[in-house]
């Protein structure tokens, strides 16, 4: 794969990256919360820097969230439009998968539980097993309401030792106590590089069947129902 473009508008500042053979180019926004004004300019700038046109792209990746509600929608829409225009396949990746991958490059193989704040009193959780820098979902990402009378989590994430990642662990003690989870040290907050994003997108692209560009959608995570699951 010679030219691959990745788009991330899930944070306050947008960024795009382009992999040209072994070279990685990056362009980031100068202001916060300006995805709608800047994302197309960022894409054009990184393509111009490489001397590449949209039609040269072999694939496009986009971060689908969770993250900035408006930002994610803008990034996904831009990626869909480029995919159709370029005739290049599109892949979407989770913010939490990206953070698990980035953390595993420092901590090594293991089980990673990524936690992000959602609305007040709620957090998003994503459980991943990382091997050789490749994150694999242990179960579907889910929303946890911390004030709920009966906190429930997927049974499959119990009885494993987790590395906590992300900025949603203010209620770590409550989560640990409620579920009896075991953690390896304190949770870490790590930055993700554009190279992390490109490598994750390309990896997922290689192992995912080609999909219609408009089926790549923002990642809206809901609270699960485990009432029918045997523990």
Protein backbone atom coordinates (compact mmCIF):
# COMPACT_ATOMS: atom_id res chain seq x y z
CA UNK A 1 0.00 0.00 0.00
CA UNK A 2 1.75 3.13 -1.22
CA UNK A 3 -0.46 6.04 -0.12
CA UNK A 4 -2.75 5.90 2.90
CA UNK A 5 -4.51 8.88 4.50
CA UNK A 6 -5.70 8.98 8.13
CA UNK A 7 -8.05 11.57 9.68
CA UNK A 8 -8.59 12.27 13.38
CA UNK A 9 -11.08 14.92 14.52
CA UNK A 10 -12.01 13.22 17.80
CA UNK A 11 -9.97 15.60 19.97
CA UNK A 12 -9.97 19.36 20.42
CA UNK A 13 -7.41 19.75 17.64
CA UNK A 14 -7.76 17.93 14.33
CA UNK A 15 -4.94 16.14 12.56
CA UNK A 16 -4.33 14.19 9.39
CA UNK A 17 -1.49 11.90 8.39
CA UNK A 18 -0.29 10.46 5.12
CA UNK A 19 1.87 7.38 4.75
CA UNK A 20 3.93 7.47 1.57
CA UNK A 21 5.76 4.16 1.37
CA UNK A 22 7.93 4.35 4.54
CA UNK A 23 7.57 8.11 5.06
CA UNK A 24 4.93 9.65 7.33
CA UNK A 25 3.67 13.21 6.90
CA UNK A 26 1.43 15.00 9.40
CA UNK A 27 -0.58 18.20 9.44
CA UNK A 28 -2.44 19.45 12.54
CA UNK A 29 -4.88 22.27 13.20
CA UNK A 30 -3.71 25.50 14.77
CA UNK A 31 -6.88 26.11 16.77
CA UNK A 32 -9.15 24.03 18.99
CA UNK A 33 -12.64 22.96 17.92
CA UNK A 34 -12.16 24.12 14.34
CA UNK A 35 -12.58 20.81 12.54
CA UNK A 36 -15.24 22.12 10.18
CA UNK A 37 -13.10 25.09 9.14
CA UNK A 38 -9.75 23.33 8.89
CA UNK A 39 -10.06 19.62 8.10
CA UNK A 40 -10.22 19.96 4.29
CA UNK A 41 -7.30 22.41 4.36
CA UNK A 42 -5.26 19.99 6.47
CA UNK A 43 -5.96 17.18 4.01
CA UNK A 44 -5.04 19.35 1.04
CA UNK A 45 -1.85 20.54 2.74
CA UNK A 46 -0.56 17.07 3.54
CA UNK A 47 -1.38 15.81 0.04
CA UNK A 48 0.32 18.85 -1.54
CA UNK A 49 3.40 18.33 0.63
CA UNK A 50 3.71 14.79 -0.69
CA UNK A 51 2.85 15.74 -4.25
CA UNK A 52 -0.07 13.32 -4.17
CA UNK A 53 -3.60 13.73 -5.49
CA UNK A 54 -6.76 12.30 -3.96
CA UNK A 55 -7.03 9.79 -6.78
CA UNK A 56 -3.61 8.34 -5.81
CA UNK A 57 -4.85 7.18 -2.40
CA UNK A 58 -4.95 3.42 -1.81
CA UNK A 59 -7.04 3.75 1.34
CA UNK A 60 -8.42 6.16 3.93
CA UNK A 61 -8.84 5.72 7.67
CA UNK A 62 -10.82 7.81 10.14
CA UNK A 63 -11.20 7.84 13.92
CA UNK A 64 -14.89 7.19 14.63
CA UNK A 65 -14.88 8.05 18.35
CA UNK A 66 -15.79 8.20 21.10
CA UNK A 67 -14.68 11.79 21.33
CA UNK A 68 -15.88 15.24 20.33
CA UNK A 69 -19.46 14.67 19.11
CA UNK A 70 -19.32 17.36 16.43
CA UNK A 71 -15.68 16.73 15.55
CA UNK A 72 -16.19 13.01 14.96
CA UNK A 73 -19.19 13.64 12.71
CA UNK A 74 -17.20 16.15 10.64
CA UNK A 75 -14.23 13.80 10.31
CA UNK A 76 -16.35 10.83 9.28
CA UNK A 77 -18.28 12.92 6.75
CA UNK A 78 -15.04 14.26 5.24
CA UNK A 79 -13.59 10.75 5.04
CA UNK A 80 -16.74 9.41 3.38
CA UNK A 81 -16.67 12.16 0.77
CA UNK A 82 -12.99 11.63 0.00
CA UNK A 83 -13.47 7.88 -0.21
CA UNK A 84 -16.22 8.22 -2.78
CA UNK A 85 -14.35 10.91 -4.71
CA UNK A 86 -11.08 8.98 -4.80
CA UNK A 87 -12.61 5.55 -5.22
CA UNK A 88 -10.49 4.52 -2.23
CA UNK A 89 -11.76 2.11 0.44
CA UNK A 90 -12.52 3.55 3.88
CA UNK A 91 -11.89 2.04 7.31
CA UNK A 92 -13.02 3.39 10.69
CA UNK A 93 -11.11 2.83 13.95
CA UNK A 94 -12.06 3.43 17.57
CA UNK A 95 -10.41 6.10 19.69
CA UNK A 96 -10.00 3.51 22.44
CA UNK A 97 -8.38 0.95 20.14
CA UNK A 98 -5.90 3.64 19.12
CA UNK A 99 -5.07 4.44 22.74
CA UNK A 100 -4.65 0.76 23.60
CA UNK A 101 -2.26 0.38 20.66
CA UNK A 102 -0.23 3.43 21.68
CA UNK A 103 0.00 2.24 25.28
CA UNK A 104 1.11 -1.23 24.24
CA UNK A 105 4.06 0.25 22.37
CA UNK A 106 5.35 1.35 25.79
CA UNK A 107 4.00 -1.34 28.11
CA UNK A 108 4.17 -4.34 25.78
CA UNK A 109 1.68 -7.14 25.25
CA UNK A 110 -1.22 -7.45 27.66
CA UNK A 111 -4.84 -6.62 28.43
CA UNK A 112 -5.73 -2.93 28.21
CA UNK A 113 -8.86 -1.35 29.67
CA UNK A 114 -9.38 2.11 28.20
CA UNK A 115 -11.66 4.52 30.06
CA UNK A 116 -12.98 7.88 28.86
CA UNK A 117 -15.42 10.28 30.51
CA UNK A 118 -18.82 10.51 28.81
CA UNK A 119 -21.70 12.56 30.20
CA UNK A 120 -21.72 13.42 33.89
CA UNK A 121 -21.53 10.23 35.95
CA UNK A 122 -20.82 8.02 32.94
CA UNK A 123 -17.68 6.59 31.36
CA UNK A 124 -16.87 4.71 28.17
CA UNK A 125 -14.88 1.50 28.55
CA UNK A 126 -13.05 -0.48 25.90
CA UNK A 127 -11.31 -3.78 26.66
CA UNK A 128 -8.49 -4.84 24.35
CA UNK A 129 -5.83 -7.50 24.22
CA UNK A 130 -2.70 -6.20 22.51
CA UNK A 131 -0.15 -8.51 20.94
CA UNK A 132 2.78 -7.19 18.91
CA UNK A 133 1.13 -3.76 18.88
CA UNK A 134 -2.13 -5.06 17.45
CA UNK A 135 -5.27 -4.39 19.57
CA UNK A 136 -8.04 -6.99 19.53
CA UNK A 137 -11.43 -6.38 21.14
CA UNK A 138 -12.10 -8.58 24.17
CA UNK A 139 -15.76 -7.49 24.11
CA UNK A 140 -17.78 -4.65 22.62
CA UNK A 141 -17.01 -1.18 23.95
CA UNK A 142 -19.66 -0.07 26.41
CA UNK A 143 -21.05 2.79 28.48
CA UNK A 144 -21.01 2.51 32.27
CA UNK A 145 -23.33 4.61 34.45
CA UNK A 146 -21.46 4.93 37.74
CA UNK A 147 -24.54 5.96 39.75
CA UNK A 148 -26.52 2.87 38.72
CA UNK A 149 -27.72 0.65 41.57
CA UNK A 150 -26.51 -2.49 39.86
CA UNK A 151 -23.29 -1.90 37.96
CA UNK A 152 -22.80 -4.57 35.32
CA UNK A 153 -19.91 -5.27 33.00
CA UNK A 154 -19.24 -8.03 30.47
CA UNK A 155 -18.30 -11.16 32.43
CA UNK A 156 -15.47 -11.85 30.00
CA UNK A 157 -13.37 -8.96 31.34
CA UNK A 158 -13.25 -10.37 34.85
CA UNK A 159 -10.36 -12.54 36.07
CA UNK A 160 -7.77 -10.75 33.96
CA UNK A 161 -5.05 -8.33 34.99
CA UNK A 162 -5.61 -5.01 33.23
CA UNK A 163 -3.48 -2.05 32.33
CA UNK A 164 -5.68 1.02 32.72
CA UNK A 165 -5.46 3.67 30.00
CA UNK A 166 -7.22 6.99 29.46
CA UNK A 167 -8.48 10.02 31.34
CA UNK A 168 -11.72 8.60 32.76
CA UNK A 169 -10.38 6.82 35.83
CA UNK A 170 -11.49 9.31 38.50
CA UNK A 171 -13.78 6.55 39.83
CA UNK A 172 -11.14 3.82 39.60
CA UNK A 173 -11.63 2.67 43.19
CA UNK A 174 -15.40 2.33 42.71
CA UNK A 175 -14.98 0.37 39.48
CA UNK A 176 -12.36 -1.91 41.04
CA UNK A 177 -14.53 -2.61 44.06
CA UNK A 178 -17.75 -3.13 42.11
CA UNK A 179 -16.29 -5.61 39.68
CA UNK A 180 -13.32 -7.07 41.49
CA UNK A 181 -11.04 -6.09 38.63
CA UNK A 182 -7.29 -6.38 38.96
CA UNK A 183 -5.04 -3.65 37.60
CA UNK A 184 -1.32 -3.64 36.89
CA UNK A 185 -0.15 -0.42 38.51
CA UNK A 186 -1.80 2.97 38.13
CA UNK A 187 -3.75 3.92 34.97
CA UNK A 188 -1.72 5.74 32.36
CA UNK A 189 -2.63 8.67 30.13
CA UNK A 190 -0.76 8.46 26.88
CA UNK A 191 -0.55 10.49 23.72
CA UNK A 192 -1.24 8.81 20.40
CA UNK A 193 0.93 9.61 17.42
CA UNK A 194 -0.21 9.95 13.83
CA UNK A 195 2.03 6.98 13.07
CA UNK A 196 0.09 4.92 15.65
CA UNK A 197 -3.11 5.90 13.83
CA UNK A 198 -1.79 5.12 10.36
CA UNK A 199 -0.42 1.74 11.43
CA UNK A 200 -3.67 0.80 13.15
CA UNK A 201 -5.77 1.84 10.14
CA UNK A 202 -3.57 -0.07 7.72
CA UNK A 203 -3.60 -3.14 9.96
CA UNK A 204 -7.40 -3.06 10.22
CA UNK A 205 -7.67 -2.38 6.50
CA UNK A 206 -5.75 -5.56 5.72
CA UNK A 207 -8.04 -7.75 7.80
CA UNK A 208 -11.43 -6.14 7.19
CA UNK A 209 -13.70 -6.87 4.27
CA UNK A 210 -14.26 -3.83 2.06
CA UNK A 211 -17.38 -1.94 3.09
CA UNK A 212 -19.53 0.80 1.61
CA UNK A 213 -18.02 4.14 2.61
CA UNK A 214 -21.30 5.34 4.06
CA UNK A 215 -21.47 2.38 6.43
CA UNK A 216 -18.49 3.80 8.36
CA UNK A 217 -20.29 5.81 11.05
CA UNK A 218 -19.51 7.66 14.30
CA UNK A 219 -18.97 5.29 17.21
CA UNK A 220 -21.95 5.90 19.50
CA UNK A 221 -21.46 3.61 22.49
CA UNK A 222 -24.48 2.55 24.52
CA UNK A 223 -25.03 0.94 27.89
CA UNK A 224 -25.22 -2.84 27.41
CA UNK A 225 -27.77 -5.28 28.75
CA UNK A 226 -26.19 -8.38 30.26
CA UNK A 227 -29.37 -9.66 31.89
CA UNK A 228 -29.47 -12.63 29.52
CA UNK A 229 -25.73 -13.40 29.69
CA UNK A 230 -24.60 -16.34 31.76
CA UNK A 231 -21.75 -15.42 34.05
